[in-house]
Amino acid sequence: MGTIVLSGAAVLVVLGFGNSVYWLAAVALLFLYLQYGRGARPSSGSAGGSSSGSFMPSSYQAYRKRRETQAKWERRYRREHPFETRRQERQKKK
């Protein structure tokens, strides 16, 4: 993925000699790749309730806290929405 982005940026830079808008597109492409691409690191100030599967907690305690919070919210949802919970359980059994 990184080679595709880098080669795309190189092509945009070469095209940029005729039109500077392509240079801006190359910079934007590289910025977006560095910000959200494969090498991006999750920020430490991210929301605790996010259900991102790619985020690995830094310690076992952080992992347990996240799991306990998730379980608490799931218990609360089941308690406040009993009919929806039963419907979902029936669909799982089918």
Protein backbone atom coordinates (compact mmCIF):
# COMPACT_ATOMS: atom_id res chain seq x y z
CA MET A 1 0.00 0.00 0.00
CA GLY A 2 2.82 2.37 0.86
CA THR A 3 4.55 1.84 -2.48
CA ILE A 4 1.33 2.65 -4.32
CA VAL A 5 0.92 5.88 -2.37
CA LEU A 6 4.55 6.87 -2.84
CA SER A 7 4.52 6.13 -6.55
CA GLY A 8 1.25 8.03 -6.90
CA ALA A 9 2.79 10.99 -5.11
CA ALA A 10 5.85 10.80 -7.39
CA VAL A 11 3.61 10.85 -10.46
CA LEU A 12 1.74 13.85 -9.09
CA VAL A 13 5.02 15.67 -8.44
CA VAL A 14 6.19 15.00 -12.01
CA LEU A 15 2.87 16.22 -13.36
CA GLY A 16 3.20 19.21 -11.04
CA PHE A 17 5.91 20.77 -13.19
CA GLY A 18 3.16 21.76 -15.60
CA ASN A 19 0.45 22.56 -13.05
CA SER A 20 1.14 23.27 -9.38
CA VAL A 21 -2.26 21.91 -8.33
CA TYR A 22 -0.78 18.43 -8.73
CA TRP A 23 1.90 19.28 -6.17
CA LEU A 24 -0.81 20.20 -3.71
CA ALA A 25 -2.56 16.92 -4.46
CA ALA A 26 0.70 15.04 -3.82
CA VAL A 27 1.18 16.78 -0.49
CA ALA A 28 -2.43 16.08 0.48
CA LEU A 29 -2.05 12.42 -0.51
CA LEU A 30 1.09 12.01 1.58
CA PHE A 31 -0.48 13.83 4.52
CA LEU A 32 -3.58 11.64 4.47
CA TYR A 33 -1.48 8.49 4.18
CA LEU A 34 0.70 9.47 7.12
CA GLN A 35 -2.30 10.57 9.19
CA TYR A 36 -4.68 7.67 8.52
CA GLY A 37 -2.64 5.11 6.64
CA ARG A 38 -0.97 1.89 7.60
CA GLY A 39 1.73 3.46 9.77
CA ALA A 40 -0.71 5.52 11.84
CA ARG A 41 -0.53 5.20 15.60
CA PRO A 42 -3.68 5.45 17.73
CA SER A 43 -3.74 8.65 19.71
CA SER A 44 -3.56 8.41 23.48
CA GLY A 45 -6.55 10.74 23.83
CA SER A 46 -8.90 8.55 21.84
CA ALA A 47 -12.38 7.80 23.09
CA GLY A 48 -12.53 4.88 25.47
CA GLY A 49 -15.78 3.58 24.04
CA SER A 50 -14.48 3.03 20.54
CA SER A 51 -14.74 -0.51 19.25
CA SER A 52 -11.74 -0.43 16.98
CA GLY A 53 -10.45 -3.93 16.41
CA SER A 54 -6.94 -2.86 15.46
CA PHE A 55 -6.14 -1.04 18.70
CA MET A 56 -4.05 -3.04 21.16
CA PRO A 57 -4.14 -1.86 24.77
CA SER A 58 -0.80 -0.95 26.27
CA SER A 59 -1.26 -3.16 29.31
CA TYR A 60 -3.41 -5.93 30.65
CA GLN A 61 -5.02 -3.49 33.07
CA ALA A 62 -6.10 -1.25 30.19
CA TYR A 63 -7.46 -4.29 28.37
CA ARG A 64 -9.46 -5.41 31.42
CA LYS A 65 -10.82 -1.91 32.00
CA ARG A 66 -11.99 -1.68 28.39
CA ARG A 67 -13.60 -5.13 28.56
CA GLU A 68 -15.35 -4.35 31.86
CA THR A 69 -16.67 -1.06 30.46
CA GLN A 70 -17.96 -2.85 27.35
CA ALA A 71 -19.65 -5.53 29.46
CA LYS A 72 -21.25 -2.86 31.65
CA TRP A 73 -22.72 -1.11 28.60
CA GLU A 74 -23.97 -4.41 27.16
CA ARG A 75 -25.69 -5.33 30.45
CA ARG A 76 -27.27 -1.89 30.58
CA TYR A 77 -28.54 -2.22 26.98
CA ARG A 78 -30.05 -5.64 27.71
CA ARG A 79 -31.73 -4.28 30.83
CA GLU A 80 -33.17 -1.20 29.08
CA HIS A 81 -34.17 -2.96 25.83
CA PRO A 82 -35.52 -6.39 26.83
CA PHE A 83 -37.70 -6.90 23.74
CA GLU A 84 -34.89 -6.04 21.32
CA THR A 85 -32.53 -8.33 23.23
CA ARG A 86 -34.99 -11.23 23.01
CA ARG A 87 -35.49 -10.60 19.28
CA GLN A 88 -31.75 -10.64 18.68
CA GLU A 89 -31.39 -13.89 20.64
CA ARG A 90 -34.17 -15.50 18.58
CA GLN A 91 -32.40 -14.48 15.36
CA LYS A 92 -29.13 -15.99 16.58
CA LYS A 93 -30.83 -19.35 17.17
CA LYS A 94 -32.18 -19.53 13.59
